[in-house]
Amino acid sequence: MTAIITASELAQELTGGRPPVLLDVRWQLSLAKAAGAPPFDGRAEYAAGHIPGAVFVDLDRELAAAPGARGRHPLPDLAEFGAAMRRAGVSAGRPVVVYDGGQGWAAARAWWLLRWTGHPDVRVLDGGLPSWPGELSTVTPDPAAGDFAPVPGAGGRLDADAAAALARTGVLLDARAGERYRGEVEPVDRVGGHIPGAVSAPTTENVGPDGRFLPAAELRDRFKALGVSEDTEVGVYCGSGVSGAHEVLALAVAGIPAALYVGSWSEWSSDPSRPVVVGADPQ
C-alpha cells in the first residue's frame, strides 16, 4: 500500500464505488507573532474553500492533547481522538485521504496517528490542496458516523528514553531546520540544540519546489547518505511531533519503516536534566 496519492488519482477515486473519507487538516506553526498579524485559522481557511466532501480536523484539538510536560503536541487522549475520527466519518473498512495547505506536515501527523492506531488504509495527498485541480466547495458535509476504534500499535512510537537509546544503536533523525539542530536559533522551545547522537535531516529536503515528495529512489539515496541502511532501526523527532511525522512519511515513501518520537524537542528540552548538544556534530 502506498502512503501518498496524487491529485489525479484522488479525483478518480472520489468518483468510484468506494470513495475515501477526506480529511482537511490545514494548520500552520507560527514561530513568531508579527505585530498585528492574526493567527492562522485552519477552520476559516477550510470554510473559504475545500475539496468537496472533506471534513475539517483540528490538529491542536483533535490530533494532540494540550501542551505541557509531554511537549507542545503530545498524543491525544485516544478515546477523544477516536470520537473525533468517527464524527468525521472514518471507518476501519474505508480508505482515508488526508490533506493540508501544501506543507504536508499536518496531513502527515494525521496519517501517522491513524496508522499507528490501527487504520489499515491512509494516504496523504501529495502536494496538498494546491495540487488539487478541481473546484472547491464551501459546503460543510455531515458524514454518517464511522466505526473507527483506535488501538495503539506495539511499535512505531518512541518516548524520550527510547529516542536517546536509538541515537546510540540506530539512526535518530532530527527533522527540524539545520539552524535549530545546531542551536543557532530556537524560536519556540526553551533551548536550542539536539539530542546527543541525532543526525540533522531537515524534512524540507524531502520535497521538491512544488511541495511534492522527491521520487522514492532519490529519498532512499538521501537517507542512505544520512546513515540509514537496509537493517538500520530508524527514529525521527522534530519540534513537537508534526514535521517529524512528515519525515516518517518520506521514509515510508522510500520503503523504510521508522518510529516517531512524539514529544520531540519540545518535551526533551523542557527537562534541564536531559543532555543537549549544539553545533553540527551529532555528538
C-alpha atoms as a PDB file:
ATOM      1  CA  MET A   1       0.000   0.000   0.000  1.00  0.00           C
ATOM      2  CA  THR A   2       1.302   3.434  -0.890  1.00  0.00           C
ATOM      3  CA  ALA A   3       1.481   6.229   1.678  1.00  0.00           C
ATOM      4  CA  ILE A   4       0.715   9.079  -0.723  1.00  0.00           C
ATOM      5  CA  ILE A   5      -1.769   9.723  -3.516  1.00  0.00           C
ATOM      6  CA  THR A   6      -1.683  12.186  -6.410  1.00  0.00           C
ATOM      7  CA  ALA A   7      -4.465  14.669  -7.074  1.00  0.00           C
ATOM      8  CA  SER A   8      -5.438  12.907 -10.307  1.00  0.00           C
ATOM      9  CA  GLU A   9      -5.630   9.564  -8.512  1.00  0.00           C
ATOM     10  CA  LEU A  10      -7.754  11.111  -5.783  1.00  0.00           C
ATOM     11  CA  ALA A  11     -10.139  12.673  -8.304  1.00  0.00           C
ATOM     12  CA  GLN A  12     -10.615   9.280  -9.909  1.00  0.00           C
ATOM     13  CA  GLU A  13     -11.186   7.504  -6.585  1.00  0.00           C
ATOM     14  CA  LEU A  14     -13.770  10.073  -5.484  1.00  0.00           C
ATOM     15  CA  THR A  15     -15.955   9.113  -8.447  1.00  0.00           C
ATOM     16  CA  GLY A  16     -15.625   5.378  -7.802  1.00  0.00           C
ATOM     17  CA  GLY A  17     -17.769   2.981  -5.855  1.00  0.00           C
ATOM     18  CA  ARG A  18     -15.596   3.129  -2.724  1.00  0.00           C
ATOM     19  CA  PRO A  19     -14.550   6.760  -2.348  1.00  0.00           C
ATOM     20  CA  PRO A  20     -12.174   7.594   0.501  1.00  0.00           C
ATOM     21  CA  VAL A  21     -13.047   9.664   3.531  1.00  0.00           C
ATOM     22  CA  LEU A  22     -11.431  13.072   3.040  1.00  0.00           C
ATOM     23  CA  LEU A  23      -9.879  14.933   5.975  1.00  0.00           C
ATOM     24  CA  ASP A  24      -8.743  18.568   5.715  1.00  0.00           C
ATOM     25  CA  VAL A  25      -6.063  19.257   8.338  1.00  0.00           C
ATOM     26  CA  ARG A  26      -4.910  22.750   7.476  1.00  0.00           C
ATOM     27  CA  TRP A  27      -2.575  24.041  10.184  1.00  0.00           C
ATOM     28  CA  GLN A  28       0.445  26.250  10.414  1.00  0.00           C
ATOM     29  CA  LEU A  29       3.126  26.666  13.048  1.00  0.00           C
ATOM     30  CA  SER A  30       3.613  30.289  13.995  1.00  0.00           C
ATOM     31  CA  LEU A  31       7.252  30.676  15.005  1.00  0.00           C
ATOM     32  CA  ALA A  32       6.868  34.362  15.715  1.00  0.00           C
ATOM     33  CA  LYS A  33       3.843  36.579  16.141  1.00  0.00           C
ATOM     34  CA  ALA A  34       4.218  39.507  13.775  1.00  0.00           C
ATOM     35  CA  ALA A  35       2.841  42.744  15.142  1.00  0.00           C
ATOM     36  CA  GLY A  36      -0.832  42.913  14.330  1.00  0.00           C
ATOM     37  CA  ALA A  37      -0.801  39.669  12.333  1.00  0.00           C
ATOM     38  CA  PRO A  38      -3.826  37.452  13.030  1.00  0.00           C
ATOM     39  CA  PRO A  39      -3.112  33.833  13.985  1.00  0.00           C
ATOM     40  CA  PHE A  40      -3.585  31.201  11.324  1.00  0.00           C
ATOM     41  CA  ASP A  41      -7.144  29.839  11.371  1.00  0.00           C
ATOM     42  CA  GLY A  42      -7.397  26.492   9.625  1.00  0.00           C
ATOM     43  CA  ARG A  43     -11.128  26.276  10.141  1.00  0.00           C
ATOM     44  CA  ALA A  44     -11.628  29.638   8.423  1.00  0.00           C
ATOM     45  CA  GLU A  45      -9.408  28.508   5.553  1.00  0.00           C
ATOM     46  CA  TYR A  46     -11.493  25.359   5.269  1.00  0.00           C
ATOM     47  CA  ALA A  47     -14.766  27.322   5.285  1.00  0.00           C
ATOM     48  CA  ALA A  48     -13.475  29.519   2.467  1.00  0.00           C
ATOM     49  CA  GLY A  49     -12.967  26.505   0.212  1.00  0.00           C
ATOM     50  CA  HIS A  50     -12.073  22.830   0.476  1.00  0.00           C
ATOM     51  CA  ILE A  51     -12.121  19.705  -1.649  1.00  0.00           C
ATOM     52  CA  PRO A  52     -15.789  18.695  -1.947  1.00  0.00           C
ATOM     53  CA  GLY A  53     -16.757  16.261   0.777  1.00  0.00           C
ATOM     54  CA  ALA A  54     -13.755  16.931   3.015  1.00  0.00           C
ATOM     55  CA  VAL A  55     -14.262  17.233   6.779  1.00  0.00           C
ATOM     56  CA  PHE A  56     -12.110  19.628   8.783  1.00  0.00           C
ATOM     57  CA  VAL A  57      -9.918  18.171  11.537  1.00  0.00           C
ATOM     58  CA  ASP A  58      -8.277  20.466  14.084  1.00  0.00           C
ATOM     59  CA  LEU A  59      -4.694  19.374  14.685  1.00  0.00           C
ATOM     60  CA  ASP A  60      -4.300  21.198  18.005  1.00  0.00           C
ATOM     61  CA  ARG A  61      -7.564  19.911  19.468  1.00  0.00           C
ATOM     62  CA  GLU A  62      -8.179  16.537  17.806  1.00  0.00           C
ATOM     63  CA  LEU A  63      -4.726  15.227  16.866  1.00  0.00           C
ATOM     64  CA  ALA A  64      -2.945  16.345  20.031  1.00  0.00           C
ATOM     65  CA  ALA A  65      -3.549  16.872  23.721  1.00  0.00           C
ATOM     66  CA  ALA A  66      -2.957  20.214  25.408  1.00  0.00           C
ATOM     67  CA  PRO A  67       0.680  21.396  25.581  1.00  0.00           C
ATOM     68  CA  GLY A  68       2.542  20.517  28.747  1.00  0.00           C
ATOM     69  CA  ALA A  69       5.388  18.462  30.128  1.00  0.00           C
ATOM     70  CA  ARG A  70       4.972  15.906  27.306  1.00  0.00           C
ATOM     71  CA  GLY A  71       5.553  18.547  24.629  1.00  0.00           C
ATOM     72  CA  ARG A  72       3.658  21.061  22.529  1.00  0.00           C
ATOM     73  CA  HIS A  73       1.688  18.404  20.623  1.00  0.00           C
ATOM     74  CA  PRO A  74       1.549  15.307  22.826  1.00  0.00           C
ATOM     75  CA  LEU A  75      -0.563  12.330  21.884  1.00  0.00           C
ATOM     76  CA  PRO A  76      -4.285  12.984  22.205  1.00  0.00           C
ATOM     77  CA  ASP A  77      -6.497  11.005  24.518  1.00  0.00           C
ATOM     78  CA  LEU A  78      -7.273   8.048  22.280  1.00  0.00           C
ATOM     79  CA  ALA A  79     -10.947   7.899  23.268  1.00  0.00           C
ATOM     80  CA  GLU A  80     -11.352  11.545  22.275  1.00  0.00           C
ATOM     81  CA  PHE A  81      -9.331  11.013  19.091  1.00  0.00           C
ATOM     82  CA  GLY A  82     -11.483   8.035  18.139  1.00  0.00           C
ATOM     83  CA  ALA A  83     -14.671  10.021  18.737  1.00  0.00           C
ATOM     84  CA  ALA A  84     -13.362  12.842  16.537  1.00  0.00           C
ATOM     85  CA  MET A  85     -12.473  10.424  13.747  1.00  0.00           C
ATOM     86  CA  ARG A  86     -15.884   8.734  13.916  1.00  0.00           C
ATOM     87  CA  ARG A  87     -17.576  12.157  13.723  1.00  0.00           C
ATOM     88  CA  ALA A  88     -15.558  12.757  10.566  1.00  0.00           C
ATOM     89  CA  GLY A  89     -16.881   9.508   9.086  1.00  0.00           C
ATOM     90  CA  VAL A  90     -13.726   7.444   9.500  1.00  0.00           C
ATOM     91  CA  SER A  91     -14.299   3.686   9.468  1.00  0.00           C
ATOM     92  CA  ALA A  92     -11.776   0.876   9.553  1.00  0.00           C
ATOM     93  CA  GLY A  93     -13.075  -0.605   6.302  1.00  0.00           C
ATOM     94  CA  ARG A  94     -12.970   2.590   4.238  1.00  0.00           C
ATOM     95  CA  PRO A  95      -9.840   4.303   2.896  1.00  0.00           C
ATOM     96  CA  VAL A  96      -8.848   7.723   4.206  1.00  0.00           C
ATOM     97  CA  VAL A  97      -7.063  10.524   2.371  1.00  0.00           C
ATOM     98  CA  VAL A  98      -5.661  13.450   4.336  1.00  0.00           C
ATOM     99  CA  TYR A  99      -4.500  16.804   3.004  1.00  0.00           C
ATOM    100  CA  ASP A 100      -3.437  20.204   4.279  1.00  0.00           C
ATOM    101  CA  GLY A 101      -2.458  23.553   2.804  1.00  0.00           C
ATOM    102  CA  GLY A 102       0.531  22.141   0.947  1.00  0.00           C
ATOM    103  CA  GLN A 103       3.330  21.909   3.501  1.00  0.00           C
ATOM    104  CA  GLY A 104       2.342  18.346   4.308  1.00  0.00           C
ATOM    105  CA  TRP A 105       3.271  18.402   7.980  1.00  0.00           C
ATOM    106  CA  ALA A 106      -0.245  18.465   9.447  1.00  0.00           C
ATOM    107  CA  ALA A 107      -1.531  15.877   6.988  1.00  0.00           C
ATOM    108  CA  ALA A 108       1.390  13.634   7.890  1.00  0.00           C
ATOM    109  CA  ARG A 109       0.550  13.957  11.605  1.00  0.00           C
ATOM    110  CA  ALA A 110      -2.995  12.722  10.886  1.00  0.00           C
ATOM    111  CA  TRP A 111      -1.615   9.959   8.647  1.00  0.00           C
ATOM    112  CA  TRP A 112       0.827   8.781  11.301  1.00  0.00           C
ATOM    113  CA  LEU A 113      -1.718   8.872  14.119  1.00  0.00           C
ATOM    114  CA  LEU A 114      -4.349   6.947  12.161  1.00  0.00           C
ATOM    115  CA  ARG A 115      -1.814   4.365  11.022  1.00  0.00           C
ATOM    116  CA  TRP A 116      -0.303   3.983  14.497  1.00  0.00           C
ATOM    117  CA  THR A 117      -3.743   3.407  15.992  1.00  0.00           C
ATOM    118  CA  GLY A 118      -4.612   0.699  13.502  1.00  0.00           C
ATOM    119  CA  HIS A 119      -6.273   2.175  10.422  1.00  0.00           C
ATOM    120  CA  PRO A 120      -5.165  -0.031   7.502  1.00  0.00           C
ATOM    121  CA  ASP A 121      -5.559   2.396   4.589  1.00  0.00           C
ATOM    122  CA  VAL A 122      -4.479   6.029   4.994  1.00  0.00           C
ATOM    123  CA  ARG A 123      -2.753   8.196   2.390  1.00  0.00           C
ATOM    124  CA  VAL A 124      -1.629  11.810   2.161  1.00  0.00           C
ATOM    125  CA  LEU A 125      -2.460  13.958  -0.856  1.00  0.00           C
ATOM    126  CA  ASP A 126       0.975  14.711  -2.302  1.00  0.00           C
ATOM    127  CA  GLY A 127       1.309  18.473  -2.652  1.00  0.00           C
ATOM    128  CA  GLY A 128      -1.768  19.171  -0.551  1.00  0.00           C
ATOM    129  CA  LEU A 129      -4.614  21.457  -1.547  1.00  0.00           C
ATOM    130  CA  PRO A 130      -2.536  23.468  -4.061  1.00  0.00           C
ATOM    131  CA  SER A 131      -2.206  20.306  -6.165  1.00  0.00           C
ATOM    132  CA  TRP A 132      -5.981  19.870  -6.443  1.00  0.00           C
ATOM    133  CA  PRO A 133      -7.124  20.808  -9.985  1.00  0.00           C
ATOM    134  CA  GLY A 134     -10.867  20.731  -9.391  1.00  0.00           C
ATOM    135  CA  GLU A 135     -13.327  23.176  -7.950  1.00  0.00           C
ATOM    136  CA  LEU A 136     -13.515  23.850  -4.227  1.00  0.00           C
ATOM    137  CA  SER A 137     -16.616  23.745  -2.072  1.00  0.00           C
ATOM    138  CA  THR A 138     -17.853  25.889   0.819  1.00  0.00           C
ATOM    139  CA  VAL A 139     -20.434  23.286   1.856  1.00  0.00           C
ATOM    140  CA  THR A 140     -19.710  21.623   5.192  1.00  0.00           C
ATOM    141  CA  PRO A 141     -20.622  17.936   4.856  1.00  0.00           C
ATOM    142  CA  ASP A 142     -22.483  15.970   7.506  1.00  0.00           C
ATOM    143  CA  PRO A 143     -20.999  12.486   7.153  1.00  0.00           C
ATOM    144  CA  ALA A 144     -22.529   9.358   8.611  1.00  0.00           C
ATOM    145  CA  ALA A 145     -20.693   8.358  11.772  1.00  0.00           C
ATOM    146  CA  GLY A 146     -17.792   5.997  11.248  1.00  0.00           C
ATOM    147  CA  ASP A 147     -16.800   2.995  13.309  1.00  0.00           C
ATOM    148  CA  PHE A 148     -13.053   3.507  13.712  1.00  0.00           C
ATOM    149  CA  ALA A 149     -11.798   2.465  17.170  1.00  0.00           C
ATOM    150  CA  PRO A 150      -8.139   3.404  17.680  1.00  0.00           C
ATOM    151  CA  VAL A 151      -5.826   0.812  19.195  1.00  0.00           C
ATOM    152  CA  PRO A 152      -2.224   1.934  19.770  1.00  0.00           C
ATOM    153  CA  GLY A 153       0.401  -0.025  17.895  1.00  0.00           C
ATOM    154  CA  ALA A 154       3.100  -2.090  19.535  1.00  0.00           C
ATOM    155  CA  GLY A 155       5.802  -0.146  17.687  1.00  0.00           C
ATOM    156  CA  GLY A 156       6.232   2.995  15.668  1.00  0.00           C
ATOM    157  CA  ARG A 157       6.463   5.379  18.637  1.00  0.00           C
ATOM    158  CA  LEU A 158       9.371   6.452  20.831  1.00  0.00           C
ATOM    159  CA  ASP A 159       9.495   8.104  24.228  1.00  0.00           C
ATOM    160  CA  ALA A 160      12.446  10.208  25.391  1.00  0.00           C
ATOM    161  CA  ASP A 161      14.465   7.276  26.751  1.00  0.00           C
ATOM    162  CA  ALA A 162      13.890   5.164  23.649  1.00  0.00           C
ATOM    163  CA  ALA A 163      14.890   8.074  21.388  1.00  0.00           C
ATOM    164  CA  ALA A 164      18.118   8.562  23.336  1.00  0.00           C
ATOM    165  CA  ALA A 165      18.897   4.845  23.107  1.00  0.00           C
ATOM    166  CA  LEU A 166      18.131   4.706  19.387  1.00  0.00           C
ATOM    167  CA  ALA A 167      20.539   7.575  18.742  1.00  0.00           C
ATOM    168  CA  ARG A 168      23.260   5.227  20.042  1.00  0.00           C
ATOM    169  CA  THR A 169      22.156   1.954  18.459  1.00  0.00           C
ATOM    170  CA  GLY A 170      20.485   3.035  15.198  1.00  0.00           C
ATOM    171  CA  VAL A 171      19.809   6.327  13.443  1.00  0.00           C
ATOM    172  CA  LEU A 172      17.801   9.106  15.061  1.00  0.00           C
ATOM    173  CA  LEU A 173      16.929  11.803  12.522  1.00  0.00           C
ATOM    174  CA  ASP A 174      16.210  15.395  13.532  1.00  0.00           C
ATOM    175  CA  ALA A 175      13.650  16.771  11.064  1.00  0.00           C
ATOM    176  CA  ARG A 176      13.940  20.430  12.114  1.00  0.00           C
ATOM    177  CA  ALA A 177      15.768  23.164  10.216  1.00  0.00           C
ATOM    178  CA  GLY A 178      19.538  22.883  10.457  1.00  0.00           C
ATOM    179  CA  GLU A 179      19.958  26.101  12.417  1.00  0.00           C
ATOM    180  CA  ARG A 180      17.653  24.805  15.147  1.00  0.00           C
ATOM    181  CA  TYR A 181      19.516  21.479  15.244  1.00  0.00           C
ATOM    182  CA  ARG A 182      22.811  23.347  15.620  1.00  0.00           C
ATOM    183  CA  GLY A 183      21.361  25.562  18.342  1.00  0.00           C
ATOM    184  CA  GLU A 184      21.966  28.787  16.439  1.00  0.00           C
ATOM    185  CA  VAL A 185      18.343  29.839  16.880  1.00  0.00           C
ATOM    186  CA  GLU A 186      15.411  28.477  18.844  1.00  0.00           C
ATOM    187  CA  PRO A 187      12.200  30.405  18.240  1.00  0.00           C
ATOM    188  CA  VAL A 188       9.823  28.121  20.133  1.00  0.00           C
ATOM    189  CA  ASP A 189      11.387  25.904  22.783  1.00  0.00           C
ATOM    190  CA  ARG A 190      13.391  26.526  25.962  1.00  0.00           C
ATOM    191  CA  VAL A 191      16.818  25.894  24.477  1.00  0.00           C
ATOM    192  CA  GLY A 192      18.359  25.136  21.087  1.00  0.00           C
ATOM    193  CA  GLY A 193      20.469  22.165  20.032  1.00  0.00           C
ATOM    194  CA  HIS A 194      19.768  18.480  19.541  1.00  0.00           C
ATOM    195  CA  ILE A 195      19.599  15.090  21.229  1.00  0.00           C
ATOM    196  CA  PRO A 196      23.085  13.547  21.559  1.00  0.00           C
ATOM    197  CA  GLY A 197      23.804  11.341  18.557  1.00  0.00           C
ATOM    198  CA  ALA A 198      20.920  12.639  16.437  1.00  0.00           C
ATOM    199  CA  VAL A 199      21.597  13.356  12.757  1.00  0.00           C
ATOM    200  CA  SER A 200      20.361  16.554  11.110  1.00  0.00           C
ATOM    201  CA  ALA A 201      17.858  15.702   8.356  1.00  0.00           C
ATOM    202  CA  PRO A 202      15.528  18.648   7.635  1.00  0.00           C
ATOM    203  CA  THR A 203      12.223  17.333   6.332  1.00  0.00           C
ATOM    204  CA  THR A 204      12.040  20.246   3.897  1.00  0.00           C
ATOM    205  CA  GLU A 205      14.747  18.500   1.879  1.00  0.00           C
ATOM    206  CA  ASN A 206      12.441  15.548   1.178  1.00  0.00           C
ATOM    207  CA  VAL A 207      10.266  17.559  -1.200  1.00  0.00           C
ATOM    208  CA  GLY A 208      10.760  19.483  -4.419  1.00  0.00           C
ATOM    209  CA  PRO A 209       9.928  23.130  -5.157  1.00  0.00           C
ATOM    210  CA  ASP A 210       6.290  22.176  -5.791  1.00  0.00           C
ATOM    211  CA  GLY A 211       5.918  20.672  -2.320  1.00  0.00           C
ATOM    212  CA  ARG A 212       5.627  17.134  -3.643  1.00  0.00           C
ATOM    213  CA  PHE A 213       7.843  14.343  -2.378  1.00  0.00           C
ATOM    214  CA  LEU A 214      11.002  13.501  -4.259  1.00  0.00           C
ATOM    215  CA  PRO A 215      10.903  10.172  -6.109  1.00  0.00           C
ATOM    216  CA  ALA A 216      11.314   7.148  -3.862  1.00  0.00           C
ATOM    217  CA  ALA A 217      14.752   6.314  -5.273  1.00  0.00           C
ATOM    218  CA  GLU A 218      16.029   9.825  -4.504  1.00  0.00           C
ATOM    219  CA  LEU A 219      14.655   9.624  -0.983  1.00  0.00           C
ATOM    220  CA  ARG A 220      16.362   6.266  -0.448  1.00  0.00           C
ATOM    221  CA  ASP A 221      19.658   7.784  -1.614  1.00  0.00           C
ATOM    222  CA  ARG A 222      19.212  10.736   0.722  1.00  0.00           C
ATOM    223  CA  PHE A 223      18.553   8.575   3.755  1.00  0.00           C
ATOM    224  CA  LYS A 224      21.400   6.231   2.838  1.00  0.00           C
ATOM    225  CA  ALA A 225      23.745   9.230   2.868  1.00  0.00           C
ATOM    226  CA  LEU A 226      22.461  10.016   6.372  1.00  0.00           C
ATOM    227  CA  GLY A 227      23.463   6.562   7.596  1.00  0.00           C
ATOM    228  CA  VAL A 228      20.251   4.601   7.040  1.00  0.00           C
ATOM    229  CA  SER A 229      20.959   1.134   5.667  1.00  0.00           C
ATOM    230  CA  GLU A 230      18.628  -1.767   4.976  1.00  0.00           C
ATOM    231  CA  ASP A 231      18.870  -3.134   8.505  1.00  0.00           C
ATOM    232  CA  THR A 232      19.013   0.171  10.379  1.00  0.00           C
ATOM    233  CA  GLU A 233      16.489   0.934  13.084  1.00  0.00           C
ATOM    234  CA  VAL A 234      15.298   4.480  12.401  1.00  0.00           C
ATOM    235  CA  GLY A 235      13.593   7.068  14.565  1.00  0.00           C
ATOM    236  CA  VAL A 236      12.572  10.669  13.892  1.00  0.00           C
ATOM    237  CA  TYR A 237      11.896  13.712  16.025  1.00  0.00           C
ATOM    238  CA  CYS A 238      11.255  17.378  15.345  1.00  0.00           C
ATOM    239  CA  GLY A 239       9.959  20.263  17.438  1.00  0.00           C
ATOM    240  CA  SER A 240       6.655  18.776  18.570  1.00  0.00           C
ATOM    241  CA  GLY A 241       5.895  15.629  16.559  1.00  0.00           C
ATOM    242  CA  VAL A 242       4.391  17.298  13.493  1.00  0.00           C
ATOM    243  CA  SER A 243       7.152  17.891  10.932  1.00  0.00           C
ATOM    244  CA  GLY A 244       8.748  14.686  12.242  1.00  0.00           C
ATOM    245  CA  ALA A 245       5.658  12.806  11.085  1.00  0.00           C
ATOM    246  CA  HIS A 246       6.325  14.245   7.634  1.00  0.00           C
ATOM    247  CA  GLU A 247       9.826  12.739   7.710  1.00  0.00           C
ATOM    248  CA  VAL A 248       8.375   9.390   8.788  1.00  0.00           C
ATOM    249  CA  LEU A 249       6.065   9.683   5.786  1.00  0.00           C
ATOM    250  CA  ALA A 250       9.020  10.407   3.492  1.00  0.00           C
ATOM    251  CA  LEU A 251      10.773   7.342   4.861  1.00  0.00           C
ATOM    252  CA  ALA A 252       7.630   5.301   4.169  1.00  0.00           C
ATOM    253  CA  VAL A 253       7.612   6.561   0.577  1.00  0.00           C
ATOM    254  CA  ALA A 254      11.213   5.344   0.372  1.00  0.00           C
ATOM    255  CA  GLY A 255      10.166   1.959   1.758  1.00  0.00           C
ATOM    256  CA  ILE A 256      11.868   2.473   5.136  1.00  0.00           C
ATOM    257  CA  PRO A 257       9.913   1.928   8.376  1.00  0.00           C
ATOM    258  CA  ALA A 258      10.570   4.468  11.124  1.00  0.00           C
ATOM    259  CA  ALA A 259       9.293   5.380  14.582  1.00  0.00           C
ATOM    260  CA  LEU A 260       8.245   8.856  15.726  1.00  0.00           C
ATOM    261  CA  TYR A 261       9.303  10.475  18.986  1.00  0.00           C
ATOM    262  CA  VAL A 262       6.039  12.333  19.514  1.00  0.00           C
ATOM    263  CA  GLY A 263       7.180  14.556  22.377  1.00  0.00           C
ATOM    264  CA  SER A 264      10.201  15.564  20.291  1.00  0.00           C
ATOM    265  CA  TRP A 265      12.396  18.537  21.148  1.00  0.00           C
ATOM    266  CA  SER A 266       9.605  20.379  22.978  1.00  0.00           C
ATOM    267  CA  GLU A 267       9.477  17.550  25.522  1.00  0.00           C
ATOM    268  CA  TRP A 268      13.191  16.750  25.560  1.00  0.00           C
ATOM    269  CA  SER A 269      14.336  20.343  26.083  1.00  0.00           C
ATOM    270  CA  SER A 270      11.753  21.056  28.799  1.00  0.00           C
ATOM    271  CA  ASP A 271      13.730  18.878  31.232  1.00  0.00           C
ATOM    272  CA  PRO A 272      17.015  20.614  32.196  1.00  0.00           C
ATOM    273  CA  SER A 273      18.476  17.266  33.275  1.00  0.00           C
ATOM    274  CA  ARG A 274      18.486  15.943  29.710  1.00  0.00           C
ATOM    275  CA  PRO A 275      21.715  16.491  27.741  1.00  0.00           C
ATOM    276  CA  VAL A 276      21.757  18.941  24.827  1.00  0.00           C
ATOM    277  CA  VAL A 277      24.336  19.123  22.044  1.00  0.00           C
ATOM    278  CA  VAL A 278      24.943  22.280  19.998  1.00  0.00           C
ATOM    279  CA  GLY A 279      26.806  22.524  16.722  1.00  0.00           C
ATOM    280  CA  ALA A 280      26.827  20.438  13.545  1.00  0.00           C
ATOM    281  CA  ASP A 281      28.403  17.344  15.119  1.00  0.00           C
ATOM    282  CA  PRO A 282      25.783  14.757  16.211  1.00  0.00           C
ATOM    283  CA  GLN A 283      27.777  14.152  19.425  1.00  0.00           C
END
